[in-house]
Structure formats: structure tokens, C-alpha cells
């Protein structure tokens, strides 16, 4: 699978070119925000966040709210995981955490009182279904008391679940509690791969959850997979893909496993000799694209696939797709308010992240203040570059005249240095550039992170180069 081959799909064209990927794949950001979260500084604190909210209120904003709630607990450790999580079987710790979480939610609700309504809610983790039904009932009741929520047919209310922590009955309870979208971590169906990453999850267990979600009336079912895990090979990948396609989810995310034990201690438990070679990983990626697009899924970008009728695919066709800290979104224009340890908010032209450690998070709330640990206020250049990167990542194209009108610049002059790099990418076949704009080619869509990196002002600064080598995963 090393020769370029155009793949039959129903959505935007994507073309796998192994040689091009070999030459261009390097470490780089995923651009769930620009500037990226590693640029946040402790100089941005609680007072800065309060000022940002005040600006939003003064402007009389009419955009809806998006809420994110972080539940950090897991009962067992998945060796590959790089998320902010706490491994414990002591569920009493969740009671303590919920007490503080409710207090933070009340603080945020007071700040946004009378403003708009919530149209998007996402529970992430950790494992949100670590919470019991009663704990989830109490948390959601408090949120509904604190905020106004759009009706079910309008709002997008999603939750990440670990199929090992729920049964079909619990899935129906989650739907009754108001969730209408569900995301399942699968990673791989092969028993040996599961054993190698300490995540034993029988296929029957996962399928029972998917079937229950359909029966319960969830509007969207999403599955997460990872390629490049220990013990994976072309046979296991093919068998997993067959099972996933048969399960018929609405969305599928396939992430490249980034082995960075220097950053994530749990990855030290993975034997490097069990990892597939870089060439095998490339073949796995080609297989994933071929099988999923052949099954009718649209390549959205950056590891994401969706059915043509899914909201993400529709938004992309209508040039409404955006990205935020949860990935691709149809609601990224909303003010994003995140609650819980390590949560990241995007409000009033600022980004802010909560304390990452429980004890620090608790201490800040006990002091009667929001637990903002660090953040960033965007400047005019950040807004401009964020817009350029957003268009490339979501639409695979941008109009230079439109950017010039929106930001009152001359594109060629402002981005003279960047356009020299764009020219090189054009010569390599990743994109085409005219006076009207930039269009990413089918070959370039798999390397969209590389293209976005051209417009990232923060990359390549002399004091940053070493850090970047440690901080980012490979673009492919």
C-alpha cells in the first residue's frame, strides 16, 4: 500500500500517498485551538477571565453557550492514555469532587446569568460513566437549575462512555437523563491488543451498548479507534475495521498512537518491541481510509470520519464546520465554559484552563474563586491566524480576498514569509494556490496539520524548537 491511489468516497476527496506522508510527517499541533494550549501562561488568571466575561456581557452577545464538564476518574489504567485522569476504585472520591464541581458550576452560572441558553453540552474524562445514576442525576439537576438548556431536538448533549462501565439499562438511563449523543472508546477489538494496553473489552459488551443506544433513541453514536498500538498488525486492524463497519456508527475517529513515555508515565508500561513499525502504521492508515471511505464514510479531516448525513459532514459541505477543544464541531462559535479539573474555556477572545491537580482545584474553590490556573488573551494577529487555520482545517480551502475584507489586510504582504512555504507545499502537491486563495488537494488533506503549521507564528521560535520535539505527536 505504498503507491498513491484515489479512494472511492461519497464526500470530499482524499488520496493516500505514502511517499508524500513519509517526507512531510513531523511533530505538530492538532489545532483544537489557536494559539494552542501549550502557549497558555500563568500570567492569565481569574481576574482576566472575569474581565472576558464582562466584555461578553457588555457586547450583548447572542451566541449560545457550550458547556464542558470534566469527570477525571477511571477504575483502571489504559496504558496508552494521555488524558488527565485519576485512577481509583474509591467512588467516595467522586462525591467529594462533585461537591466542588457543583460549586464551580454555580459560580459560572452566576457570571452568565440571563445570557443566552446552552445548546451544547459535553461530558468528558476520565470516564464520565464512573459516576453512578444517582450522582449523574444530582449533577444534571444542578446544571439545569443553573443554566437554561435548549430543547432536546435543538441541543447537542453528548457523553463519552467506557462500555466496560455501563450495561444496556444504564444506556437507556443516560438517554432519559437528557444525553442525545454518545461516544464509545473501543481502540481495538483484538484480545491480544487489548491485553497489551490493559483494556479488556469484549466485542459483545461494546455491541450491546451500541444496540442499546439505538434502541434508546440517541441521535448519534461515535466510536474511537487507535492505530499503532502494541500487538497490532494488518490482520488485527482489518478484523477490527470489519467489526466497526458492521456496527454502523455515525462517526468514527481513528487516532495515531503517539508513543511518548517521556510525557505520559503510563506509556512506559508498553513494550516498545510490541509496537508496529512506522511502515506498518502507514499501511494501517491506508487500510483505514480505504475501508471506511469504501463503506460510505466521509473523511472530515484529522482522523475523523462520518456518514454523509451526519451533522459534521453536512456542516462541512455547507462550510459551517469548526474546531474547538472537543475537536470538530458545529457549535464552536459558542462561548465555551468548562467546569472541572483541567477544563479549558474559550470566552470573550480568551482561553483559560482550570487547575490540573485536585488539591489545587479544591483549594481555589474553597477560597471562593474560579480555579483558573493559566490562559491567554488573543491579540489581533492571533484572531487572524486562528481564522486562517480554522478554514484550512475545516473547509480545506480559504479565500484570500475574504480574509482581506474581514481583517483589513493585504494577504500577500502580511503572509509573505508563509506564502514562500505555501509555494513549496504546492510544488509537492499538497495544495494549489491562486490569487483567489488556497485549496488543499486530495493528497494534502491527510497532511492538513502540516499546512496549518505554516501559519502558526509560535512554531519554530529558537527557544521553542526543543520543546516542540517533546510536546507534539507526529502529524501522521
Protein backbone atom coordinates (compact mmCIF):
# COMPACT_ATOMS: atom_id res chain seq x y z
CA UNK A 1 0.00 0.00 0.00
CA UNK A 2 2.70 2.44 -0.91
CA UNK A 3 1.51 3.76 -4.25
CA UNK A 4 -0.82 6.78 -4.49
CA UNK A 5 -4.38 5.66 -5.02
CA UNK A 6 -7.53 7.72 -5.19
CA UNK A 7 -10.08 6.14 -2.95
CA UNK A 8 -13.82 5.89 -3.71
CA UNK A 9 -15.76 8.01 -1.26
CA UNK A 10 -19.01 9.93 -1.10
CA UNK A 11 -17.64 13.14 0.39
CA UNK A 12 -14.59 15.38 -0.03
CA UNK A 13 -11.84 13.63 -1.95
CA UNK A 14 -8.89 12.17 -0.02
CA UNK A 15 -5.88 10.46 -1.53
CA UNK A 16 -3.28 8.37 0.28
CA UNK A 17 0.31 8.92 -0.87
CA UNK A 18 2.76 7.05 1.34
CA UNK A 19 5.85 8.73 -0.09
CA UNK A 20 4.40 12.20 0.46
CA UNK A 21 3.49 11.29 4.04
CA UNK A 22 6.96 9.92 4.74
CA UNK A 23 8.54 13.16 3.56
CA UNK A 24 6.22 15.54 5.37
CA UNK A 25 5.12 13.83 8.56
CA UNK A 26 6.64 15.57 11.57
CA UNK A 27 5.63 16.63 15.06
CA UNK A 28 2.98 19.30 15.23
CA UNK A 29 -0.19 20.55 16.97
CA UNK A 30 -3.72 19.23 16.38
CA UNK A 31 -5.15 22.79 16.38
CA UNK A 32 -8.16 22.30 18.61
CA UNK A 33 -7.33 25.92 19.32
CA UNK A 34 -5.03 28.62 18.04
CA UNK A 35 -2.90 29.62 19.79
CA UNK A 36 -2.52 26.08 21.11
CA UNK A 37 -2.90 25.23 24.79
CA UNK A 38 0.85 24.89 25.33
CA UNK A 39 1.08 28.66 24.77
CA UNK A 40 -1.09 29.43 27.81
CA UNK A 41 0.72 31.24 30.65
CA UNK A 42 0.14 31.51 34.42
CA UNK A 43 0.10 35.27 33.93
CA UNK A 44 -3.53 34.89 32.85
CA UNK A 45 -5.69 34.30 35.93
CA UNK A 46 -9.11 34.53 37.48
CA UNK A 47 -9.35 38.32 37.15
CA UNK A 48 -8.59 38.12 33.42
CA UNK A 49 -11.35 35.56 32.94
CA UNK A 50 -13.84 37.74 34.82
CA UNK A 51 -12.93 40.67 32.56
CA UNK A 52 -13.52 38.49 29.49
CA UNK A 53 -17.00 37.55 30.72
CA UNK A 54 -17.73 41.22 31.42
CA UNK A 55 -16.81 42.09 27.83
CA UNK A 56 -19.15 39.41 26.52
CA UNK A 57 -21.97 40.75 28.69
CA UNK A 58 -21.28 44.36 27.65
CA UNK A 59 -21.35 43.37 23.98
CA UNK A 60 -24.81 41.85 24.39
CA UNK A 61 -23.71 38.62 22.73
CA UNK A 62 -26.45 36.46 21.25
CA UNK A 63 -24.45 33.31 20.59
CA UNK A 64 -25.43 30.21 22.56
CA UNK A 65 -23.37 28.68 25.35
CA UNK A 66 -21.42 25.45 25.16
CA UNK A 67 -20.63 23.64 28.41
CA UNK A 68 -17.91 21.06 29.03
CA UNK A 69 -17.77 19.00 32.22
CA UNK A 70 -14.65 17.01 33.10
CA UNK A 71 -15.00 13.84 35.17
CA UNK A 72 -11.39 12.72 35.78
CA UNK A 73 -11.91 9.31 37.40
CA UNK A 74 -11.23 5.86 35.92
CA UNK A 75 -11.31 2.50 37.66
CA UNK A 76 -8.35 1.10 35.70
CA UNK A 77 -5.40 2.43 33.74
CA UNK A 78 -5.24 2.16 29.95
CA UNK A 79 -1.52 2.19 29.21
CA UNK A 80 -1.78 4.31 26.04
CA UNK A 81 -3.82 7.11 27.63
CA UNK A 82 -2.51 10.68 27.76
CA UNK A 83 -5.64 12.24 29.28
CA UNK A 84 -5.83 13.98 32.64
CA UNK A 85 -7.25 11.20 34.80
CA UNK A 86 -7.27 9.79 38.32
CA UNK A 87 -7.20 6.01 38.73
CA UNK A 88 -9.20 4.87 41.74
CA UNK A 89 -11.88 2.36 42.71
CA UNK A 90 -12.84 4.50 45.70
CA UNK A 91 -16.06 6.08 44.45
CA UNK A 92 -16.27 8.22 47.59
CA UNK A 93 -13.70 10.45 45.89
CA UNK A 94 -16.31 11.24 43.27
CA UNK A 95 -18.68 12.51 45.96
CA UNK A 96 -16.05 14.95 47.17
CA UNK A 97 -15.26 16.03 43.62
CA UNK A 98 -18.92 16.55 42.78
CA UNK A 99 -19.35 18.85 45.76
CA UNK A 100 -16.64 21.14 44.41
CA UNK A 101 -17.82 20.78 40.82
CA UNK A 102 -21.32 21.93 41.77
CA UNK A 103 -19.84 24.97 43.47
CA UNK A 104 -17.84 25.85 40.37
CA UNK A 105 -20.91 25.43 38.17
CA UNK A 106 -22.82 27.82 40.45
CA UNK A 107 -20.04 30.42 40.14
CA UNK A 108 -20.06 30.18 36.35
CA UNK A 109 -23.87 30.30 36.20
CA UNK A 110 -23.89 33.50 38.23
CA UNK A 111 -21.46 35.10 35.78
CA UNK A 112 -23.61 34.18 32.78
CA UNK A 113 -26.99 34.75 34.41
CA UNK A 114 -29.62 35.85 31.90
CA UNK A 115 -27.36 35.28 28.92
CA UNK A 116 -28.41 33.03 26.08
CA UNK A 117 -29.02 29.34 26.53
CA UNK A 118 -26.94 26.17 26.44
CA UNK A 119 -27.08 24.44 23.06
CA UNK A 120 -24.12 22.13 23.53
CA UNK A 121 -23.05 20.02 26.50
CA UNK A 122 -20.19 17.54 26.55
CA UNK A 123 -19.11 15.25 29.38
CA UNK A 124 -15.52 14.05 29.01
CA UNK A 125 -12.91 12.38 31.12
CA UNK A 126 -11.52 10.22 32.53
CA UNK A 127 -14.71 8.22 32.48
CA UNK A 128 -17.95 10.22 32.91
CA UNK A 129 -19.86 6.98 33.48
CA UNK A 130 -17.69 6.42 36.55
CA UNK A 131 -20.50 8.40 38.21
CA UNK A 132 -23.50 6.44 39.43
CA UNK A 133 -27.01 7.12 38.15
CA UNK A 134 -27.81 9.00 41.36
CA UNK A 135 -24.64 11.11 41.13
CA UNK A 136 -25.35 11.95 37.49
CA UNK A 137 -28.97 12.81 38.34
CA UNK A 138 -27.83 15.25 41.01
CA UNK A 139 -25.22 16.85 38.78
CA UNK A 140 -27.58 17.32 35.84
CA UNK A 141 -30.37 18.66 38.07
CA UNK A 142 -27.97 21.27 39.41
CA UNK A 143 -26.90 22.22 35.89
CA UNK A 144 -30.48 22.63 34.71
CA UNK A 145 -31.20 24.77 37.74
CA UNK A 146 -28.14 26.88 36.97
CA UNK A 147 -28.47 27.23 33.18
CA UNK A 148 -31.23 27.32 30.57
CA UNK A 149 -30.95 24.39 28.14
CA UNK A 150 -32.27 24.25 24.59
CA UNK A 151 -34.85 21.52 23.94
CA UNK A 152 -33.62 18.05 23.01
CA UNK A 153 -34.31 18.46 19.29
CA UNK A 154 -32.11 21.59 19.18
CA UNK A 155 -29.34 20.90 21.68
CA UNK A 156 -26.35 18.62 21.23
CA UNK A 157 -25.80 16.83 24.53
CA UNK A 158 -23.02 14.27 24.40
CA UNK A 159 -21.20 11.98 26.78
CA UNK A 160 -18.08 9.83 26.46
CA UNK A 161 -18.57 6.35 27.87
CA UNK A 162 -16.42 3.36 28.61
CA UNK A 163 -18.52 0.34 27.53
CA UNK A 164 -16.98 -1.62 30.40
CA UNK A 165 -18.74 0.66 32.91
CA UNK A 166 -22.30 0.53 31.55
CA UNK A 167 -24.93 -2.01 30.59
CA UNK A 168 -27.92 -1.54 28.25
CA UNK A 169 -30.09 -0.41 31.14
CA UNK A 170 -27.61 2.34 32.03
CA UNK A 171 -27.55 3.49 28.40
CA UNK A 172 -31.33 3.97 28.49
CA UNK A 173 -30.96 5.90 31.75
CA UNK A 174 -28.40 8.21 30.13
CA UNK A 175 -30.85 8.98 27.33
CA UNK A 176 -33.59 9.68 29.86
CA UNK A 177 -31.19 11.99 31.69
CA UNK A 178 -31.02 14.13 28.55
CA UNK A 179 -27.98 12.95 26.60
CA UNK A 180 -28.66 12.54 22.88
CA UNK A 181 -25.17 11.77 21.54
CA UNK A 182 -22.82 9.08 22.78
CA UNK A 183 -19.15 8.35 22.15
CA UNK A 184 -17.58 4.96 22.87
CA UNK A 185 -13.94 4.21 23.42
CA UNK A 186 -13.09 0.97 21.57
CA UNK A 187 -9.47 1.41 20.37
CA UNK A 188 -9.20 -2.19 19.07
CA UNK A 189 -11.30 -5.36 19.21
CA UNK A 190 -8.36 -7.80 19.19
CA UNK A 191 -7.93 -9.57 22.59
CA UNK A 192 -4.12 -9.55 22.41
CA UNK A 193 -4.00 -5.84 21.64
CA UNK A 194 -6.45 -5.17 24.47
CA UNK A 195 -4.28 -7.17 26.86
CA UNK A 196 -1.16 -5.25 25.78
CA UNK A 197 -2.78 -1.90 26.65
CA UNK A 198 -4.64 -3.17 29.76
CA UNK A 199 -8.10 -2.57 28.34
CA UNK A 200 -10.02 -5.85 28.14
CA UNK A 201 -13.31 -5.04 26.40
CA UNK A 202 -15.15 -7.94 24.73
CA UNK A 203 -16.81 -7.20 21.42
CA UNK A 204 -20.17 -8.39 22.73
CA UNK A 205 -20.03 -5.82 25.51
CA UNK A 206 -19.40 -2.98 23.08
CA UNK A 207 -22.07 -4.09 20.60
CA UNK A 208 -24.63 -4.40 23.40
CA UNK A 209 -24.01 -0.76 24.31
CA UNK A 210 -24.31 0.36 20.66
CA UNK A 211 -27.57 -1.55 20.19
CA UNK A 212 -28.94 -0.12 23.43
CA UNK A 213 -28.03 3.40 22.30
CA UNK A 214 -30.01 2.88 19.10
CA UNK A 215 -32.96 1.46 21.00
CA UNK A 216 -32.86 4.39 23.42
CA UNK A 217 -33.02 6.93 20.59
CA UNK A 218 -29.56 8.51 20.69
CA UNK A 219 -29.20 10.78 17.65
CA UNK A 220 -25.53 9.99 17.07
CA UNK A 221 -23.19 7.14 18.01
CA UNK A 222 -19.43 7.63 17.70
CA UNK A 223 -16.58 5.12 18.04
CA UNK A 224 -12.93 5.89 18.81
CA UNK A 225 -10.15 3.67 17.44
CA UNK A 226 -6.36 3.88 17.64
CA UNK A 227 -3.82 2.54 15.15
CA UNK A 228 -0.21 1.88 16.08
CA UNK A 229 -0.92 0.11 19.39
CA UNK A 230 1.24 -2.78 20.64
CA UNK A 231 0.46 -6.16 19.07
CA UNK A 232 -1.49 -4.55 16.23
CA UNK A 233 -0.85 -5.72 12.69
CA UNK A 234 -2.64 -5.57 9.36
CA UNK A 235 -4.74 -8.63 10.17
CA UNK A 236 -5.95 -7.34 13.53
CA UNK A 237 -6.61 -3.90 12.07
CA UNK A 238 -8.64 -5.37 9.22
CA UNK A 239 -10.71 -7.50 11.57
CA UNK A 240 -11.39 -4.55 13.88
CA UNK A 241 -12.45 -2.39 10.93
CA UNK A 242 -14.84 -5.09 9.72
CA UNK A 243 -16.47 -5.25 13.13
CA UNK A 244 -16.71 -1.48 13.41
CA UNK A 245 -18.25 -1.13 9.94
CA UNK A 246 -20.77 -3.85 10.79
CA UNK A 247 -21.65 -1.93 13.97
CA UNK A 248 -22.55 1.04 11.70
CA UNK A 249 -21.74 4.04 13.97
CA UNK A 250 -22.48 7.56 12.74
CA UNK A 251 -18.94 8.81 13.37
CA UNK A 252 -15.57 7.09 13.63
CA UNK A 253 -12.35 8.64 14.91
CA UNK A 254 -9.09 6.82 14.20
CA UNK A 255 -6.15 8.25 16.10
CA UNK A 256 -2.47 7.64 15.52
CA UNK A 257 -0.97 6.28 18.74
CA UNK A 258 1.81 8.64 19.82
CA UNK A 259 4.30 6.77 22.00
CA UNK A 260 5.69 9.49 24.28
CA UNK A 261 6.62 7.81 27.57
CA UNK A 262 8.71 10.85 28.48
CA UNK A 263 5.43 12.76 28.81
CA UNK A 264 2.97 10.05 29.86
CA UNK A 265 4.24 7.68 32.55
CA UNK A 266 1.62 5.02 31.84
CA UNK A 267 3.10 4.51 28.37
CA UNK A 268 6.26 3.18 29.98
CA UNK A 269 4.23 0.03 30.63
CA UNK A 270 4.02 -0.58 26.88
CA UNK A 271 6.83 -2.70 25.45
CA UNK A 272 8.39 -0.83 22.54
CA UNK A 273 9.24 -4.10 20.80
CA UNK A 274 5.49 -4.81 20.61
CA UNK A 275 4.79 -1.61 18.65
CA UNK A 276 4.24 -1.89 14.87
CA UNK A 277 6.89 -0.37 12.63
CA UNK A 278 6.38 3.06 11.04
CA UNK A 279 5.81 1.36 7.67
CA UNK A 280 3.16 -0.93 9.15
CA UNK A 281 1.46 2.08 10.70
CA UNK A 282 1.35 3.74 7.29
CA UNK A 283 -0.21 0.62 5.81
CA UNK A 284 -2.74 0.58 8.63
CA UNK A 285 -3.70 4.18 7.90
CA UNK A 286 -4.14 3.40 4.20
CA UNK A 287 -6.31 0.41 5.12
CA UNK A 288 -8.47 2.50 7.46
CA UNK A 289 -9.08 5.13 4.79
CA UNK A 290 -9.79 2.56 2.10
CA UNK A 291 -12.19 0.51 4.22
CA UNK A 292 -14.10 3.39 5.80
CA UNK A 293 -14.50 5.50 2.68
CA UNK A 294 -15.40 2.34 0.77
CA UNK A 295 -18.14 1.78 3.36
CA UNK A 296 -19.54 5.24 2.63
CA UNK A 297 -17.96 7.33 5.37
CA UNK A 298 -16.79 10.86 4.58
CA UNK A 299 -13.28 11.88 5.57
CA UNK A 300 -13.85 15.01 7.66
CA UNK A 301 -10.20 15.63 8.46
CA UNK A 302 -7.66 14.99 11.24
CA UNK A 303 -8.62 11.36 11.92
CA UNK A 304 -12.40 11.89 11.74
CA UNK A 305 -14.92 10.12 9.51
CA UNK A 306 -18.70 10.50 9.43
CA UNK A 307 -21.69 9.29 7.47
CA UNK A 308 -22.74 11.74 4.72
CA UNK A 309 -25.92 12.61 6.61
CA UNK A 310 -24.19 13.24 9.94
CA UNK A 311 -24.17 16.82 11.25
CA UNK A 312 -20.39 17.08 10.83
CA UNK A 313 -20.47 16.04 7.19
CA UNK A 314 -23.42 18.34 6.46
CA UNK A 315 -21.69 21.26 8.20
CA UNK A 316 -18.53 20.65 6.18
CA UNK A 317 -20.45 20.67 2.89
CA UNK A 318 -22.12 23.92 3.94
CA UNK A 319 -18.82 25.48 5.14
CA UNK A 320 -20.12 25.66 8.72
CA UNK A 321 -17.69 23.20 10.28
CA UNK A 322 -15.41 24.48 13.04
CA UNK A 323 -12.92 23.17 15.59
CA UNK A 324 -12.70 23.66 19.34
CA UNK A 325 -11.21 21.85 22.32
CA UNK A 326 -13.51 18.86 21.72
CA UNK A 327 -12.39 18.57 18.08
CA UNK A 328 -14.63 19.19 15.06
CA UNK A 329 -17.87 20.91 16.00
CA UNK A 330 -20.96 22.58 14.61
CA UNK A 331 -21.15 24.86 17.70
CA UNK A 332 -17.59 26.18 18.00
CA UNK A 333 -18.80 29.78 17.70
CA UNK A 334 -20.44 29.48 21.13
CA UNK A 335 -18.82 30.78 24.28
CA UNK A 336 -17.30 27.61 25.76
CA UNK A 337 -17.48 27.31 29.54
CA UNK A 338 -15.60 24.35 31.02
CA UNK A 339 -16.04 23.09 34.55
CA UNK A 340 -13.95 20.58 36.44
CA UNK A 341 -10.27 19.92 36.95
CA UNK A 342 -8.11 20.82 33.88
CA UNK A 343 -11.14 22.07 31.86
CA UNK A 344 -10.40 24.68 29.17
CA UNK A 345 -12.79 27.56 28.47
CA UNK A 346 -12.93 29.88 25.46
CA UNK A 347 -14.74 33.09 26.37
CA UNK A 348 -14.58 36.62 25.01
CA UNK A 349 -11.42 36.22 22.97
CA UNK A 350 -9.56 34.40 25.72
CA UNK A 351 -8.62 30.84 26.63
CA UNK A 352 -8.36 29.71 30.24
CA UNK A 353 -7.54 26.39 31.85
CA UNK A 354 -8.50 25.16 35.30
CA UNK A 355 -6.06 23.74 37.81
CA UNK A 356 -4.87 20.26 36.78
CA UNK A 357 -4.40 18.78 40.27
CA UNK A 358 -7.37 18.00 42.52
CA UNK A 359 -5.84 19.55 45.63
CA UNK A 360 -5.17 22.83 43.79
CA UNK A 361 -8.63 22.78 42.23
CA UNK A 362 -10.25 22.28 45.65
CA UNK A 363 -8.12 24.97 47.29
CA UNK A 364 -9.11 27.60 44.74
CA UNK A 365 -12.81 26.87 45.08
CA UNK A 366 -12.54 26.88 48.89
CA UNK A 367 -11.07 30.36 48.51
CA UNK A 368 -14.28 31.38 46.72
CA UNK A 369 -12.76 31.89 43.30
CA UNK A 370 -12.78 30.15 39.96
CA UNK A 371 -9.87 27.70 39.65
CA UNK A 372 -8.23 29.36 36.62
CA UNK A 373 -4.56 28.30 36.53
CA UNK A 374 -3.39 29.73 33.23
CA UNK A 375 -4.64 31.11 29.96
CA UNK A 376 -4.20 33.57 27.14
CA UNK A 377 -5.85 36.70 25.75
CA UNK A 378 -5.80 36.63 21.95
CA UNK A 379 -4.34 39.61 20.08
CA UNK A 380 -5.25 40.81 16.59
CA UNK A 381 -2.65 38.56 14.94
CA UNK A 382 -3.94 35.54 16.87
CA UNK A 383 -7.50 36.15 15.66
CA UNK A 384 -6.34 36.44 12.06
CA UNK A 385 -4.21 33.31 12.13
CA UNK A 386 -6.88 31.40 14.01
CA UNK A 387 -9.31 32.18 11.22
CA UNK A 388 -6.87 31.06 8.52
CA UNK A 389 -6.07 27.81 10.33
CA UNK A 390 -9.76 27.15 11.04
CA UNK A 391 -10.68 27.50 7.36
CA UNK A 392 -7.89 25.21 6.22
CA UNK A 393 -8.62 22.55 8.84
CA UNK A 394 -12.39 22.52 8.30
CA UNK A 395 -13.01 23.57 4.67
CA UNK A 396 -9.67 22.52 3.14
CA UNK A 397 -9.71 25.93 1.47
CA UNK A 398 -9.60 29.65 2.14
CA UNK A 399 -10.38 32.76 0.14
CA UNK A 400 -7.64 35.38 0.33
CA UNK A 401 -9.97 38.24 -0.70
CA UNK A 402 -12.44 37.21 2.04
CA UNK A 403 -9.68 37.25 4.67
CA UNK A 404 -8.52 40.64 3.39
CA UNK A 405 -12.04 42.07 3.74
CA UNK A 406 -12.59 40.55 7.18
CA UNK A 407 -9.28 41.68 8.70
CA UNK A 408 -8.39 44.73 6.56
CA UNK A 409 -5.02 43.36 5.43
CA UNK A 410 -3.21 42.61 2.21
CA UNK A 411 -2.84 38.84 2.40
CA UNK A 412 0.25 38.62 0.23
CA UNK A 413 2.08 41.28 2.21
CA UNK A 414 1.03 40.11 5.67
CA UNK A 415 1.87 36.49 4.98
CA UNK A 416 4.80 36.99 2.62
CA UNK A 417 7.08 34.62 4.56
CA UNK A 418 4.35 32.00 4.95
CA UNK A 419 3.45 32.08 1.26
CA UNK A 420 7.01 31.08 0.38
CA UNK A 421 6.41 27.87 2.36
CA UNK A 422 2.98 27.51 0.79
CA UNK A 423 4.66 27.63 -2.61
CA UNK A 424 6.88 24.71 -1.61
CA UNK A 425 3.85 22.73 -0.44
CA UNK A 426 2.22 23.47 -3.78
CA UNK A 427 5.24 22.09 -5.62
CA UNK A 428 4.96 18.95 -3.50
CA UNK A 429 1.30 18.57 -4.44
CA UNK A 430 -0.31 19.27 -1.05
CA UNK A 431 -2.29 22.31 -2.23
CA UNK A 432 -2.94 24.73 -5.04
CA UNK A 433 -2.59 28.49 -4.67
CA UNK A 434 -4.02 31.21 -6.88
CA UNK A 435 -4.76 34.89 -6.43
CA UNK A 436 -8.15 33.81 -5.15
CA UNK A 437 -6.92 31.59 -2.36
CA UNK A 438 -5.59 28.24 -1.23
CA UNK A 439 -7.19 24.86 -1.88
CA UNK A 440 -5.90 21.68 -0.26
CA UNK A 441 -5.54 18.79 -2.71
CA UNK A 442 -6.82 15.26 -2.06
CA UNK A 443 -3.22 14.26 -1.25
CA UNK A 444 -2.79 17.20 1.12
CA UNK A 445 -5.87 16.52 3.23
CA UNK A 446 -4.13 13.82 5.26
CA UNK A 447 -1.35 16.35 5.97
CA UNK A 448 -3.60 19.27 6.84
CA UNK A 449 -1.79 19.77 10.15
CA UNK A 450 1.42 20.45 8.22
CA UNK A 451 -0.34 23.07 6.12
CA UNK A 452 -1.85 24.75 9.18
CA UNK A 453 1.57 24.84 10.83
CA UNK A 454 2.83 27.20 8.12
CA UNK A 455 0.57 29.93 9.57
CA UNK A 456 1.42 29.25 13.24
CA UNK A 457 3.52 32.22 14.38
CA UNK A 458 4.58 30.48 17.58
CA UNK A 459 6.27 27.50 15.95
CA UNK A 460 9.97 27.46 15.27
CA UNK A 461 10.94 30.19 17.71
CA UNK A 462 14.54 29.41 18.73
CA UNK A 463 13.75 28.76 22.40
CA UNK A 464 10.76 26.61 21.43
CA UNK A 465 12.29 24.14 18.99
CA UNK A 466 13.48 21.63 21.59
CA UNK A 467 10.17 21.81 23.45
CA UNK A 468 8.22 21.14 20.25
CA UNK A 469 10.14 17.94 19.65
CA UNK A 470 8.97 16.69 23.04
CA UNK A 471 5.47 18.16 23.09
CA UNK A 472 3.72 17.17 19.88
CA UNK A 473 2.71 13.95 18.21
CA UNK A 474 3.51 13.18 14.58
CA UNK A 475 1.12 14.79 12.10
CA UNK A 476 0.71 11.32 10.53
